[in-house]
């Protein structure tokens, strides 16, 4: 399971931040934040499917885990920032 989580992060994290940086640089203002929220929501199904494919979690539980992990990451980032 830990390797599935690591794979999900290695694949999704750079993509999320690349999109956020591009949107922020070209559109400015609050668009970077909007892009971040949108990308965090969009990666939940992707990460959930990776967790589910490991065969250790049911699909609903995998999606819930991905949602909680992304919400925790987003919240931590908001607090630190």
N, C-alpha and C. Protein backbone atom coordinates (compact mmCIF):
# COMPACT_ATOMS: atom_id res chain seq x y z
N UNK A 1 0.82 -1.20 0.00
CA UNK A 1 0.00 0.00 0.00
C UNK A 1 0.86 1.26 0.00
N UNK A 2 1.95 1.24 0.75
CA UNK A 2 2.80 2.42 0.80
C UNK A 2 3.38 2.75 -0.57
N UNK A 3 3.72 1.71 -1.32
CA UNK A 3 4.28 1.97 -2.65
C UNK A 3 3.21 2.54 -3.58
N UNK A 4 1.95 2.14 -3.40
CA UNK A 4 0.87 2.70 -4.21
C UNK A 4 0.70 4.19 -3.92
N UNK A 5 0.76 4.55 -2.64
CA UNK A 5 0.66 5.95 -2.26
C UNK A 5 1.82 6.76 -2.79
N UNK A 6 3.01 6.18 -2.73
CA UNK A 6 4.19 6.88 -3.24
C UNK A 6 4.08 7.07 -4.75
N UNK A 7 3.64 6.04 -5.45
CA UNK A 7 3.47 6.14 -6.90
C UNK A 7 2.43 7.21 -7.24
N UNK A 8 1.32 7.22 -6.51
CA UNK A 8 0.28 8.22 -6.75
C UNK A 8 0.84 9.63 -6.58
N UNK A 9 1.63 9.84 -5.54
CA UNK A 9 2.21 11.16 -5.30
C UNK A 9 3.26 11.53 -6.34
N UNK A 10 4.10 10.58 -6.70
CA UNK A 10 5.15 10.85 -7.69
C UNK A 10 4.53 11.24 -9.03
N UNK A 11 3.40 10.63 -9.37
CA UNK A 11 2.76 10.94 -10.64
C UNK A 11 1.89 12.20 -10.59
N UNK A 12 1.17 12.39 -9.48
CA UNK A 12 0.20 13.49 -9.46
C UNK A 12 0.77 14.81 -8.95
N UNK A 13 1.63 14.79 -7.98
CA UNK A 13 2.12 16.03 -7.38
C UNK A 13 2.81 16.95 -8.39
N UNK A 14 3.76 16.46 -9.18
CA UNK A 14 4.39 17.36 -10.15
C UNK A 14 3.39 17.90 -11.18
N UNK A 15 2.44 17.08 -11.57
CA UNK A 15 1.44 17.52 -12.54
C UNK A 15 0.58 18.63 -11.96
N UNK A 16 0.14 18.45 -10.72
CA UNK A 16 -0.67 19.47 -10.07
C UNK A 16 0.09 20.79 -10.01
N UNK A 17 1.31 20.76 -9.55
CA UNK A 17 2.05 22.00 -9.39
C UNK A 17 2.45 22.62 -10.72
N UNK A 18 2.71 21.81 -11.72
CA UNK A 18 3.01 22.37 -13.04
C UNK A 18 1.81 23.14 -13.58
N UNK A 19 0.62 22.56 -13.48
CA UNK A 19 -0.59 23.24 -13.94
C UNK A 19 -0.82 24.52 -13.13
N UNK A 20 -0.67 24.44 -11.82
CA UNK A 20 -0.88 25.62 -10.97
C UNK A 20 0.10 26.73 -11.32
N UNK A 21 1.35 26.39 -11.53
CA UNK A 21 2.34 27.42 -11.89
C UNK A 21 2.05 28.04 -13.24
N UNK A 22 1.67 27.24 -14.21
CA UNK A 22 1.35 27.76 -15.54
C UNK A 22 0.15 28.70 -15.47
N UNK A 23 -0.89 28.26 -14.79
CA UNK A 23 -2.10 29.10 -14.66
C UNK A 23 -1.77 30.39 -13.93
N UNK A 24 -1.02 30.29 -12.84
CA UNK A 24 -0.65 31.48 -12.06
C UNK A 24 0.16 32.47 -12.89
N UNK A 25 1.12 31.96 -13.65
CA UNK A 25 1.98 32.84 -14.45
C UNK A 25 1.23 33.52 -15.58
N UNK A 26 0.31 32.81 -16.20
CA UNK A 26 -0.38 33.38 -17.36
C UNK A 26 -1.63 34.17 -17.00
N UNK A 27 -2.30 33.78 -15.93
CA UNK A 27 -3.57 34.44 -15.60
C UNK A 27 -3.48 35.32 -14.36
N UNK A 28 -2.54 35.04 -13.46
CA UNK A 28 -2.36 35.85 -12.27
C UNK A 28 -3.57 35.84 -11.35
N UNK A 29 -3.50 36.69 -10.35
CA UNK A 29 -4.61 36.84 -9.40
C UNK A 29 -4.95 35.54 -8.69
N UNK A 30 -6.22 35.37 -8.40
CA UNK A 30 -6.65 34.17 -7.67
C UNK A 30 -6.75 32.92 -8.54
N UNK A 31 -6.41 33.03 -9.82
CA UNK A 31 -6.55 31.89 -10.71
C UNK A 31 -5.66 30.72 -10.30
N UNK A 32 -4.52 31.00 -9.72
CA UNK A 32 -3.64 29.93 -9.24
C UNK A 32 -4.29 29.12 -8.14
N UNK A 33 -4.96 29.81 -7.23
CA UNK A 33 -5.66 29.12 -6.15
C UNK A 33 -6.81 28.29 -6.69
N UNK A 34 -7.55 28.85 -7.64
CA UNK A 34 -8.66 28.12 -8.26
C UNK A 34 -8.13 26.89 -8.98
N UNK A 35 -7.02 27.03 -9.67
CA UNK A 35 -6.41 25.89 -10.36
C UNK A 35 -5.96 24.83 -9.36
N UNK A 36 -5.40 25.27 -8.23
CA UNK A 36 -4.97 24.32 -7.21
C UNK A 36 -6.14 23.52 -6.67
N UNK A 37 -7.22 24.20 -6.34
CA UNK A 37 -8.40 23.50 -5.83
C UNK A 37 -8.94 22.53 -6.88
N UNK A 38 -9.03 22.98 -8.11
CA UNK A 38 -9.54 22.13 -9.18
C UNK A 38 -8.66 20.90 -9.38
N UNK A 39 -7.37 21.11 -9.39
CA UNK A 39 -6.45 19.98 -9.58
C UNK A 39 -6.50 19.01 -8.41
N UNK A 40 -6.60 19.52 -7.19
CA UNK A 40 -6.70 18.63 -6.03
C UNK A 40 -7.94 17.75 -6.14
N UNK A 41 -9.03 18.32 -6.62
CA UNK A 41 -10.26 17.54 -6.80
C UNK A 41 -10.08 16.53 -7.93
N UNK A 42 -9.45 16.93 -9.01
CA UNK A 42 -9.29 16.05 -10.16
C UNK A 42 -8.35 14.87 -9.90
N UNK A 43 -7.38 15.04 -9.02
CA UNK A 43 -6.45 13.93 -8.79
C UNK A 43 -7.03 12.87 -7.85
N UNK A 44 -8.10 13.18 -7.14
CA UNK A 44 -8.68 12.19 -6.22
C UNK A 44 -9.06 10.91 -6.95
N UNK A 45 -9.81 10.97 -8.06
CA UNK A 45 -10.13 9.71 -8.74
C UNK A 45 -8.88 8.98 -9.27
N UNK A 46 -7.91 9.73 -9.76
CA UNK A 46 -6.68 9.13 -10.26
C UNK A 46 -5.96 8.37 -9.15
N UNK A 47 -5.75 9.04 -8.03
CA UNK A 47 -5.06 8.40 -6.92
C UNK A 47 -5.89 7.26 -6.33
N UNK A 48 -7.19 7.47 -6.23
CA UNK A 48 -8.06 6.42 -5.71
C UNK A 48 -8.00 5.16 -6.56
N UNK A 49 -7.94 5.34 -7.88
CA UNK A 49 -7.84 4.18 -8.76
C UNK A 49 -6.52 3.44 -8.57
N UNK A 50 -5.45 4.17 -8.32
CA UNK A 50 -4.17 3.51 -8.06
C UNK A 50 -4.24 2.72 -6.76
N UNK A 51 -4.84 3.29 -5.73
CA UNK A 51 -4.99 2.56 -4.47
C UNK A 51 -5.85 1.31 -4.68
N UNK A 52 -6.91 1.45 -5.42
CA UNK A 52 -7.84 0.35 -5.67
C UNK A 52 -7.16 -0.76 -6.48
N UNK A 53 -6.36 -0.38 -7.46
CA UNK A 53 -5.69 -1.38 -8.30
C UNK A 53 -4.72 -2.24 -7.51
N UNK A 54 -4.29 -1.76 -6.37
CA UNK A 54 -3.39 -2.58 -5.55
C UNK A 54 -4.10 -3.82 -5.03
N UNK A 55 -5.44 -3.79 -5.05
CA UNK A 55 -6.21 -4.94 -4.60
C UNK A 55 -6.43 -5.01 -3.11
N UNK A 56 -5.96 -4.00 -2.40
CA UNK A 56 -6.07 -4.02 -0.95
C UNK A 56 -7.27 -3.23 -0.42
N UNK A 57 -7.84 -2.39 -1.27
CA UNK A 57 -8.97 -1.57 -0.85
C UNK A 57 -10.10 -1.70 -1.85
N UNK A 58 -11.32 -1.63 -1.33
CA UNK A 58 -12.46 -1.53 -2.23
C UNK A 58 -12.43 -0.14 -2.87
N UNK A 59 -13.09 -0.01 -4.01
CA UNK A 59 -13.03 1.25 -4.75
C UNK A 59 -13.51 2.43 -3.91
N UNK A 60 -14.62 2.28 -3.21
CA UNK A 60 -15.13 3.37 -2.37
C UNK A 60 -14.15 3.79 -1.30
N UNK A 61 -13.53 2.80 -0.66
CA UNK A 61 -12.54 3.11 0.37
C UNK A 61 -11.29 3.75 -0.22
N UNK A 62 -10.90 3.30 -1.40
CA UNK A 62 -9.73 3.88 -2.06
C UNK A 62 -9.97 5.34 -2.42
N UNK A 63 -11.16 5.63 -2.94
CA UNK A 63 -11.49 7.02 -3.29
C UNK A 63 -11.58 7.88 -2.03
N UNK A 64 -12.14 7.32 -0.97
CA UNK A 64 -12.23 8.07 0.30
C UNK A 64 -10.84 8.37 0.84
N UNK A 65 -9.96 7.38 0.79
CA UNK A 65 -8.58 7.58 1.25
C UNK A 65 -7.90 8.67 0.44
N UNK A 66 -8.06 8.63 -0.86
CA UNK A 66 -7.45 9.65 -1.72
C UNK A 66 -8.02 11.04 -1.40
N UNK A 67 -9.32 11.12 -1.17
CA UNK A 67 -9.95 12.41 -0.85
C UNK A 67 -9.43 12.95 0.48
N UNK A 68 -9.35 12.10 1.48
CA UNK A 68 -8.86 12.53 2.80
C UNK A 68 -7.39 12.94 2.71
N UNK A 69 -6.59 12.16 1.99
CA UNK A 69 -5.16 12.49 1.86
C UNK A 69 -4.97 13.84 1.17
N UNK A 70 -5.74 14.09 0.11
CA UNK A 70 -5.61 15.36 -0.60
C UNK A 70 -6.15 16.52 0.22
N UNK A 71 -7.21 16.31 0.94
CA UNK A 71 -7.74 17.36 1.82
C UNK A 71 -6.75 17.69 2.92
N UNK A 72 -6.13 16.67 3.49
CA UNK A 72 -5.13 16.89 4.54
C UNK A 72 -3.93 17.65 3.99
N UNK A 73 -3.47 17.27 2.81
CA UNK A 73 -2.34 17.94 2.18
C UNK A 73 -2.68 19.40 1.86
N UNK A 74 -3.86 19.61 1.31
CA UNK A 74 -4.29 20.96 0.97
C UNK A 74 -4.38 21.83 2.23
N UNK A 75 -4.98 21.28 3.28
CA UNK A 75 -5.15 22.01 4.54
C UNK A 75 -3.79 22.34 5.16
N UNK A 76 -2.90 21.37 5.18
CA UNK A 76 -1.56 21.61 5.73
C UNK A 76 -0.85 22.71 4.95
N UNK A 77 -0.94 22.63 3.62
CA UNK A 77 -0.32 23.65 2.78
C UNK A 77 -0.91 25.03 3.03
N UNK A 78 -2.23 25.09 3.23
CA UNK A 78 -2.89 26.39 3.49
C UNK A 78 -2.45 26.96 4.83
N UNK A 79 -2.31 26.10 5.82
CA UNK A 79 -1.89 26.56 7.16
C UNK A 79 -0.45 27.05 7.12
N UNK A 80 0.41 26.31 6.46
CA UNK A 80 1.84 26.66 6.40
C UNK A 80 2.06 27.89 5.56
N UNK A 81 1.30 28.01 4.48
CA UNK A 81 1.47 29.14 3.58
C UNK A 81 0.95 30.38 4.25
